[in-house]
Every structure is written in C-alpha cells, then in structure tokens.
C-alpha cells in the first residue's frame, strides 16, 4: 500500500520539484498539492494523506497554523515541516503545533524521501541539532518547568528513564546501549510511554519531558 503524500509550498517550481521527486519513488503517491495554508487544510481534508510535506512560510495561513489545524482534524496525519531557514522559533513552534519532523529545503533528495518514510511510520525526525536547539529554547523559557503532570506518575521507573533518553535526542539503538536492554524492549517502552502520556510521537515526547520538569536543561551563562 502506497504512502499518500500532500505537498504544500507557495513556490510553484519548488512544489512541482518535490512532487516529482516523490512520485518517482516506489510506494509513494502524491495525492494533492497546495500553494497556501488554507488550501492545504482543504486538500488534506479531501485526500486523507499519511504525510503532509509542509512549507513553513506560506500566504493566507502559515505552515505552522495549517499544521495545527490538519493534525487536530486527523491525528493520524504526520506533518514534515520544510523551510529555507534554520530558525529556532520555527523548530519549536512546528513541533508544538504537532509536526513530526523538521527538514531544511536544501537537504539532499534521498534525505527528503527518507524523512517522508520516517514520519509516515510514526517516528519523529529530530536530528541531534534540532533537539539541542529545542533544549536550549526550553532552558530560557519560563514555561519549561510547570511541575510533573499527573500522567507522569503513571510511568514506571524504566519508562521514565526511556523518556529522559528520548528527550536527549537518542535513537532506540542508542537508548538500548545506554540502558543495557534489547532494542525491541526499548521500542516497547517507547510505545507505552507515548500511550500513557497520550502523545503522537517522539517529537511530542521531547516537549513533554521538558515541559513537565522531568528533565531540566542547564542554562548556559
């Protein structure tokens, strides 16, 4: 079964290029295109994609607000944000809006295709650099420490350890090595953490770990 993708970008040539690249891949079907945020909301509602490739800067409705609406309408949809600018505020706002990944437009074609597949299977596309910037943003934010929500009390000690590792931007393989457990066991723990906390993916888990106060980043002088 093919992955259904919607491509949203206000630049026609860029949008056409991304769509052509994805159409050339086995197992990927581009089911719609949009040139602004309002249009992508409508197209997503009509086509029910697995992934929306979403430009951050678009007219009428920007990509971040469009992401918020698309995800609220169908929590199954995964959004991969694309931007020309590597700006902290975009990373933070996109993840908070419900995006599952963040990629620069100048990424190599194979990286873009891989990113679509990553978010489609429910994983988060957060590079160590993106995770680091999110942590630094939390370190300077007054909203970063609200005290643990009741849901965190339902996690086992091991699940809390796994959540802390996720917040550090570590992969399942890295977590397995750090905690000396099997990678399949890590996957099970991650699944239970997401389920207990009502989170969509690892991107939201990173946010939850810092907002809850479970992990407190060091503030740089």
C-alpha atoms as a PDB file:
ATOM      1  CA  UNK A   1       0.000   0.000   0.000  1.00  0.00           C
ATOM      2  CA  UNK A   2       1.437   3.360  -1.067  1.00  0.00           C
ATOM      3  CA  UNK A   3       2.132   6.238   1.282  1.00  0.00           C
ATOM      4  CA  UNK A   4      -0.231   9.087   0.481  1.00  0.00           C
ATOM      5  CA  UNK A   5       1.504  12.471   0.478  1.00  0.00           C
ATOM      6  CA  UNK A   6       0.331  16.076   0.068  1.00  0.00           C
ATOM      7  CA  UNK A   7       2.934  18.669  -0.936  1.00  0.00           C
ATOM      8  CA  UNK A   8       2.380  22.252   0.231  1.00  0.00           C
ATOM      9  CA  UNK A   9       4.621  25.130  -0.883  1.00  0.00           C
ATOM     10  CA  UNK A  10       3.798  28.599  -2.172  1.00  0.00           C
ATOM     11  CA  UNK A  11       6.519  28.446  -4.856  1.00  0.00           C
ATOM     12  CA  UNK A  12       5.191  26.545  -7.858  1.00  0.00           C
ATOM     13  CA  UNK A  13       8.571  25.307  -9.095  1.00  0.00           C
ATOM     14  CA  UNK A  14       9.626  24.113  -5.653  1.00  0.00           C
ATOM     15  CA  UNK A  15       6.289  22.381  -5.124  1.00  0.00           C
ATOM     16  CA  UNK A  16       6.475  20.704  -8.532  1.00  0.00           C
ATOM     17  CA  UNK A  17      10.037  19.565  -7.858  1.00  0.00           C
ATOM     18  CA  UNK A  18       9.171  17.954  -4.538  1.00  0.00           C
ATOM     19  CA  UNK A  19       6.081  16.310  -6.029  1.00  0.00           C
ATOM     20  CA  UNK A  20       8.039  14.926  -8.993  1.00  0.00           C
ATOM     21  CA  UNK A  21      10.750  13.564  -6.701  1.00  0.00           C
ATOM     22  CA  UNK A  22       8.218  11.778  -4.522  1.00  0.00           C
ATOM     23  CA  UNK A  23       6.179  10.446  -7.456  1.00  0.00           C
ATOM     24  CA  UNK A  24       9.344   8.786  -8.769  1.00  0.00           C
ATOM     25  CA  UNK A  25       9.661   6.707  -5.594  1.00  0.00           C
ATOM     26  CA  UNK A  26       8.250   3.231  -5.177  1.00  0.00           C
ATOM     27  CA  UNK A  27       5.469   3.089  -2.623  1.00  0.00           C
ATOM     28  CA  UNK A  28       4.764   6.838  -2.524  1.00  0.00           C
ATOM     29  CA  UNK A  29       1.721   8.504  -4.098  1.00  0.00           C
ATOM     30  CA  UNK A  30       1.331  12.292  -4.237  1.00  0.00           C
ATOM     31  CA  UNK A  31      -2.410  12.743  -3.746  1.00  0.00           C
ATOM     32  CA  UNK A  32      -2.537  16.533  -3.680  1.00  0.00           C
ATOM     33  CA  UNK A  33      -0.689  19.835  -3.847  1.00  0.00           C
ATOM     34  CA  UNK A  34      -1.350  23.199  -2.195  1.00  0.00           C
ATOM     35  CA  UNK A  35       0.063  26.699  -2.561  1.00  0.00           C
ATOM     36  CA  UNK A  36      -1.028  28.191   0.758  1.00  0.00           C
ATOM     37  CA  UNK A  37      -2.009  27.121   4.254  1.00  0.00           C
ATOM     38  CA  UNK A  38      -5.731  27.450   3.729  1.00  0.00           C
ATOM     39  CA  UNK A  39      -5.534  25.293   0.622  1.00  0.00           C
ATOM     40  CA  UNK A  40      -3.509  22.543   2.309  1.00  0.00           C
ATOM     41  CA  UNK A  41      -6.088  22.287   5.089  1.00  0.00           C
ATOM     42  CA  UNK A  42      -8.796  21.729   2.474  1.00  0.00           C
ATOM     43  CA  UNK A  43      -6.702  19.307   0.395  1.00  0.00           C
ATOM     44  CA  UNK A  44      -5.753  17.247   3.454  1.00  0.00           C
ATOM     45  CA  UNK A  45      -9.407  17.007   4.471  1.00  0.00           C
ATOM     46  CA  UNK A  46     -10.313  15.748   0.984  1.00  0.00           C
ATOM     47  CA  UNK A  47      -7.438  13.324   0.375  1.00  0.00           C
ATOM     48  CA  UNK A  48      -6.661  11.953   3.871  1.00  0.00           C
ATOM     49  CA  UNK A  49      -2.873  11.736   3.379  1.00  0.00           C
ATOM     50  CA  UNK A  50      -0.413   9.831   5.524  1.00  0.00           C
ATOM     51  CA  UNK A  51       2.117  12.678   5.334  1.00  0.00           C
ATOM     52  CA  UNK A  52       1.911  16.380   4.541  1.00  0.00           C
ATOM     53  CA  UNK A  53       5.135  17.967   3.308  1.00  0.00           C
ATOM     54  CA  UNK A  54       4.542  21.449   4.709  1.00  0.00           C
ATOM     55  CA  UNK A  55       6.378  24.684   3.933  1.00  0.00           C
ATOM     56  CA  UNK A  56       6.649  26.968   6.951  1.00  0.00           C
ATOM     57  CA  UNK A  57       6.224  30.286   5.152  1.00  0.00           C
ATOM     58  CA  UNK A  58       3.019  30.374   3.100  1.00  0.00           C
ATOM     59  CA  UNK A  59       0.407  33.080   2.446  1.00  0.00           C
ATOM     60  CA  UNK A  60      -3.127  33.308   3.883  1.00  0.00           C
ATOM     61  CA  UNK A  61      -2.294  30.735   6.585  1.00  0.00           C
ATOM     62  CA  UNK A  62       1.285  29.873   7.501  1.00  0.00           C
ATOM     63  CA  UNK A  63       2.537  26.306   7.693  1.00  0.00           C
ATOM     64  CA  UNK A  64       2.585  26.173  11.471  1.00  0.00           C
ATOM     65  CA  UNK A  65      -1.056  27.186  11.874  1.00  0.00           C
ATOM     66  CA  UNK A  66      -2.019  24.914   8.984  1.00  0.00           C
ATOM     67  CA  UNK A  67      -0.227  22.049  10.753  1.00  0.00           C
ATOM     68  CA  UNK A  68      -2.180  22.724  13.930  1.00  0.00           C
ATOM     69  CA  UNK A  69      -5.489  22.542  12.036  1.00  0.00           C
ATOM     70  CA  UNK A  70      -4.588  19.473   9.949  1.00  0.00           C
ATOM     71  CA  UNK A  71      -3.374  17.494  12.969  1.00  0.00           C
ATOM     72  CA  UNK A  72      -6.405  18.481  15.044  1.00  0.00           C
ATOM     73  CA  UNK A  73      -8.717  17.297  12.261  1.00  0.00           C
ATOM     74  CA  UNK A  74      -6.971  13.942  11.794  1.00  0.00           C
ATOM     75  CA  UNK A  75      -4.422  12.786  14.352  1.00  0.00           C
ATOM     76  CA  UNK A  76      -3.298  10.019  12.010  1.00  0.00           C
ATOM     77  CA  UNK A  77      -1.716  12.540   9.614  1.00  0.00           C
ATOM     78  CA  UNK A  78       2.004  13.197  10.034  1.00  0.00           C
ATOM     79  CA  UNK A  79       3.470  16.559   9.072  1.00  0.00           C
ATOM     80  CA  UNK A  80       7.035  17.075   7.859  1.00  0.00           C
ATOM     81  CA  UNK A  81       7.942  20.760   8.007  1.00  0.00           C
ATOM     82  CA  UNK A  82      10.191  22.269   5.340  1.00  0.00           C
ATOM     83  CA  UNK A  83      11.903  25.625   5.497  1.00  0.00           C
ATOM     84  CA  UNK A  84      14.758  27.551   3.928  1.00  0.00           C
ATOM     85  CA  UNK A  85      15.682  28.993   7.293  1.00  0.00           C
ATOM     86  CA  UNK A  86      17.203  27.112  10.210  1.00  0.00           C
ATOM     87  CA  UNK A  87      15.476  29.256  12.847  1.00  0.00           C
ATOM     88  CA  UNK A  88      14.861  28.148  16.434  1.00  0.00           C
ATOM     89  CA  UNK A  89      11.377  29.632  16.667  1.00  0.00           C
ATOM     90  CA  UNK A  90      10.231  27.619  13.662  1.00  0.00           C
ATOM     91  CA  UNK A  91      11.523  24.368  15.117  1.00  0.00           C
ATOM     92  CA  UNK A  92       9.864  24.975  18.460  1.00  0.00           C
ATOM     93  CA  UNK A  93       6.554  26.218  17.045  1.00  0.00           C
ATOM     94  CA  UNK A  94       6.344  23.448  14.447  1.00  0.00           C
ATOM     95  CA  UNK A  95       6.797  20.669  16.989  1.00  0.00           C
ATOM     96  CA  UNK A  96       4.352  22.313  19.387  1.00  0.00           C
ATOM     97  CA  UNK A  97       1.817  22.536  16.531  1.00  0.00           C
ATOM     98  CA  UNK A  98       2.037  18.773  16.014  1.00  0.00           C
ATOM     99  CA  UNK A  99       4.725  18.343  13.357  1.00  0.00           C
ATOM    100  CA  UNK A 100       6.630  15.063  13.438  1.00  0.00           C
ATOM    101  CA  UNK A 101       9.722  16.306  11.661  1.00  0.00           C
ATOM    102  CA  UNK A 102      11.664  19.321  10.507  1.00  0.00           C
ATOM    103  CA  UNK A 103      13.886  19.460   7.426  1.00  0.00           C
ATOM    104  CA  UNK A 104      15.712  22.188   5.509  1.00  0.00           C
ATOM    105  CA  UNK A 105      14.731  22.597   1.857  1.00  0.00           C
ATOM    106  CA  UNK A 106      18.328  22.209   0.746  1.00  0.00           C
ATOM    107  CA  UNK A 107      18.520  18.678   2.156  1.00  0.00           C
ATOM    108  CA  UNK A 108      19.628  16.071  -0.414  1.00  0.00           C
ATOM    109  CA  UNK A 109      16.759  14.377  -2.316  1.00  0.00           C
ATOM    110  CA  UNK A 110      17.384  10.983  -0.734  1.00  0.00           C
ATOM    111  CA  UNK A 111      17.236  12.580   2.707  1.00  0.00           C
ATOM    112  CA  UNK A 112      13.856  14.126   1.908  1.00  0.00           C
ATOM    113  CA  UNK A 113      12.456  10.812   0.701  1.00  0.00           C
ATOM    114  CA  UNK A 114      13.812   9.036   3.769  1.00  0.00           C
ATOM    115  CA  UNK A 115      12.287  11.720   6.003  1.00  0.00           C
ATOM    116  CA  UNK A 116       8.831  11.160   4.496  1.00  0.00           C
ATOM    117  CA  UNK A 117       9.108   7.444   5.201  1.00  0.00           C
ATOM    118  CA  UNK A 118      10.376   8.039   8.749  1.00  0.00           C
ATOM    119  CA  UNK A 119       7.480  10.241   9.804  1.00  0.00           C
ATOM    120  CA  UNK A 120       4.972   8.042   7.956  1.00  0.00           C
ATOM    121  CA  UNK A 121       5.819   5.072  10.151  1.00  0.00           C
ATOM    122  CA  UNK A 122       5.211   7.137  13.274  1.00  0.00           C
ATOM    123  CA  UNK A 123       8.773   8.045  14.198  1.00  0.00           C
ATOM    124  CA  UNK A 124       9.937  11.589  14.755  1.00  0.00           C
ATOM    125  CA  UNK A 125      12.526  13.206  12.539  1.00  0.00           C
ATOM    126  CA  UNK A 126      14.540  15.186  15.062  1.00  0.00           C
ATOM    127  CA  UNK A 127      18.220  15.474  14.367  1.00  0.00           C
ATOM    128  CA  UNK A 128      20.583  15.966  17.323  1.00  0.00           C
ATOM    129  CA  UNK A 129      20.965  19.587  16.225  1.00  0.00           C
ATOM    130  CA  UNK A 130      17.216  20.191  16.264  1.00  0.00           C
ATOM    131  CA  UNK A 131      16.885  18.503  19.653  1.00  0.00           C
ATOM    132  CA  UNK A 132      19.724  20.610  21.025  1.00  0.00           C
ATOM    133  CA  UNK A 133      18.064  23.827  19.875  1.00  0.00           C
ATOM    134  CA  UNK A 134      14.774  22.737  21.429  1.00  0.00           C
ATOM    135  CA  UNK A 135      16.559  22.072  24.719  1.00  0.00           C
ATOM    136  CA  UNK A 136      18.220  25.482  24.616  1.00  0.00           C
ATOM    137  CA  UNK A 137      14.849  27.088  23.944  1.00  0.00           C
ATOM    138  CA  UNK A 138      13.362  25.344  26.967  1.00  0.00           C
ATOM    139  CA  UNK A 139      16.332  26.412  29.076  1.00  0.00           C
ATOM    140  CA  UNK A 140      15.466  30.064  28.515  1.00  0.00           C
ATOM    141  CA  UNK A 141      11.690  29.631  28.728  1.00  0.00           C
ATOM    142  CA  UNK A 142       9.683  30.343  31.853  1.00  0.00           C
ATOM    143  CA  UNK A 143       7.128  27.783  30.705  1.00  0.00           C
ATOM    144  CA  UNK A 144       9.634  24.958  30.777  1.00  0.00           C
ATOM    145  CA  UNK A 145       9.011  23.966  34.372  1.00  0.00           C
ATOM    146  CA  UNK A 146       5.397  23.596  35.378  1.00  0.00           C
ATOM    147  CA  UNK A 147       5.863  20.569  37.621  1.00  0.00           C
ATOM    148  CA  UNK A 148       5.154  16.968  36.628  1.00  0.00           C
ATOM    149  CA  UNK A 149       1.627  16.407  35.301  1.00  0.00           C
ATOM    150  CA  UNK A 150      -0.413  13.568  36.849  1.00  0.00           C
ATOM    151  CA  UNK A 151       0.167  11.377  33.782  1.00  0.00           C
ATOM    152  CA  UNK A 152       3.885  11.141  34.537  1.00  0.00           C
ATOM    153  CA  UNK A 153       3.142   9.407  37.809  1.00  0.00           C
ATOM    154  CA  UNK A 154       1.755   6.501  35.793  1.00  0.00           C
ATOM    155  CA  UNK A 155       5.140   5.773  34.201  1.00  0.00           C
ATOM    156  CA  UNK A 156       7.345   3.053  35.625  1.00  0.00           C
ATOM    157  CA  UNK A 157      10.928   3.907  36.604  1.00  0.00           C
ATOM    158  CA  UNK A 158      12.195   2.304  33.405  1.00  0.00           C
ATOM    159  CA  UNK A 159       9.694   4.215  31.281  1.00  0.00           C
ATOM    160  CA  UNK A 160      10.862   7.459  32.872  1.00  0.00           C
ATOM    161  CA  UNK A 161      14.441   6.522  32.059  1.00  0.00           C
ATOM    162  CA  UNK A 162      13.456   5.915  28.452  1.00  0.00           C
ATOM    163  CA  UNK A 163      11.615   9.233  28.273  1.00  0.00           C
ATOM    164  CA  UNK A 164      14.708  11.015  29.571  1.00  0.00           C
ATOM    165  CA  UNK A 165      16.766   9.325  26.855  1.00  0.00           C
ATOM    166  CA  UNK A 166      14.231  10.351  24.195  1.00  0.00           C
ATOM    167  CA  UNK A 167      14.482  13.927  25.446  1.00  0.00           C
ATOM    168  CA  UNK A 168      18.240  13.761  24.900  1.00  0.00           C
ATOM    169  CA  UNK A 169      17.592  13.002  21.233  1.00  0.00           C
ATOM    170  CA  UNK A 170      18.837   9.427  21.362  1.00  0.00           C
ATOM    171  CA  UNK A 171      17.683   6.726  18.952  1.00  0.00           C
ATOM    172  CA  UNK A 172      16.298   3.365  20.053  1.00  0.00           C
ATOM    173  CA  UNK A 173      19.675   1.766  19.361  1.00  0.00           C
ATOM    174  CA  UNK A 174      21.480   4.361  21.476  1.00  0.00           C
ATOM    175  CA  UNK A 175      18.944   4.017  24.293  1.00  0.00           C
ATOM    176  CA  UNK A 176      19.370   0.240  24.251  1.00  0.00           C
ATOM    177  CA  UNK A 177      23.132   0.641  24.600  1.00  0.00           C
ATOM    178  CA  UNK A 178      22.853   3.214  27.369  1.00  0.00           C
ATOM    179  CA  UNK A 179      20.336   1.253  29.449  1.00  0.00           C
ATOM    180  CA  UNK A 180      21.778  -2.198  28.589  1.00  0.00           C
ATOM    181  CA  UNK A 181      18.498  -3.570  27.286  1.00  0.00           C
ATOM    182  CA  UNK A 182      17.371  -5.020  23.945  1.00  0.00           C
ATOM    183  CA  UNK A 183      16.316  -2.618  21.195  1.00  0.00           C
ATOM    184  CA  UNK A 184      12.950  -4.368  20.918  1.00  0.00           C
ATOM    185  CA  UNK A 185      12.446  -3.755  24.633  1.00  0.00           C
ATOM    186  CA  UNK A 186      13.179  -0.068  24.068  1.00  0.00           C
ATOM    187  CA  UNK A 187      10.545   0.039  21.315  1.00  0.00           C
ATOM    188  CA  UNK A 188       8.009  -1.466  23.700  1.00  0.00           C
ATOM    189  CA  UNK A 189       8.858   1.070  26.400  1.00  0.00           C
ATOM    190  CA  UNK A 190       8.621   3.955  23.925  1.00  0.00           C
ATOM    191  CA  UNK A 191       5.214   2.741  22.772  1.00  0.00           C
ATOM    192  CA  UNK A 192       3.944   2.532  26.351  1.00  0.00           C
ATOM    193  CA  UNK A 193       5.306   5.979  27.215  1.00  0.00           C
ATOM    194  CA  UNK A 194       3.560   7.530  24.232  1.00  0.00           C
ATOM    195  CA  UNK A 195       0.336   5.679  25.045  1.00  0.00           C
ATOM    196  CA  UNK A 196       0.285   6.568  28.732  1.00  0.00           C
ATOM    197  CA  UNK A 197       1.021  10.235  28.077  1.00  0.00           C
ATOM    198  CA  UNK A 198      -1.311  10.481  25.086  1.00  0.00           C
ATOM    199  CA  UNK A 199       1.484  11.600  22.767  1.00  0.00           C
ATOM    200  CA  UNK A 200       1.610  11.209  18.992  1.00  0.00           C
ATOM    201  CA  UNK A 201       5.320  10.578  18.609  1.00  0.00           C
ATOM    202  CA  UNK A 202       8.835  11.162  19.918  1.00  0.00           C
ATOM    203  CA  UNK A 203       8.747  14.836  18.951  1.00  0.00           C
ATOM    204  CA  UNK A 204       5.918  15.428  21.410  1.00  0.00           C
ATOM    205  CA  UNK A 205       7.725  13.263  23.961  1.00  0.00           C
ATOM    206  CA  UNK A 206      10.707  15.631  23.880  1.00  0.00           C
ATOM    207  CA  UNK A 207       8.401  18.578  24.545  1.00  0.00           C
ATOM    208  CA  UNK A 208       6.560  16.714  27.323  1.00  0.00           C
ATOM    209  CA  UNK A 209       9.783  15.754  29.096  1.00  0.00           C
ATOM    210  CA  UNK A 210      10.933  19.356  29.365  1.00  0.00           C
ATOM    211  CA  UNK A 211       7.569  20.997  29.955  1.00  0.00           C
ATOM    212  CA  UNK A 212       6.798  18.536  32.740  1.00  0.00           C
ATOM    213  CA  UNK A 213      10.021  19.254  34.572  1.00  0.00           C
ATOM    214  CA  UNK A 214      11.147  15.631  34.300  1.00  0.00           C
ATOM    215  CA  UNK A 215      14.231  16.928  32.518  1.00  0.00           C
ATOM    216  CA  UNK A 216      15.638  20.352  33.368  1.00  0.00           C
ATOM    217  CA  UNK A 217      18.188  21.678  30.884  1.00  0.00           C
ATOM    218  CA  UNK A 218      21.235  23.503  32.109  1.00  0.00           C
ATOM    219  CA  UNK A 219      21.084  27.221  31.412  1.00  0.00           C
ATOM    220  CA  UNK A 220      24.251  28.468  29.771  1.00  0.00           C
ATOM    221  CA  UNK A 221      25.877  31.569  31.111  1.00  0.00           C
END
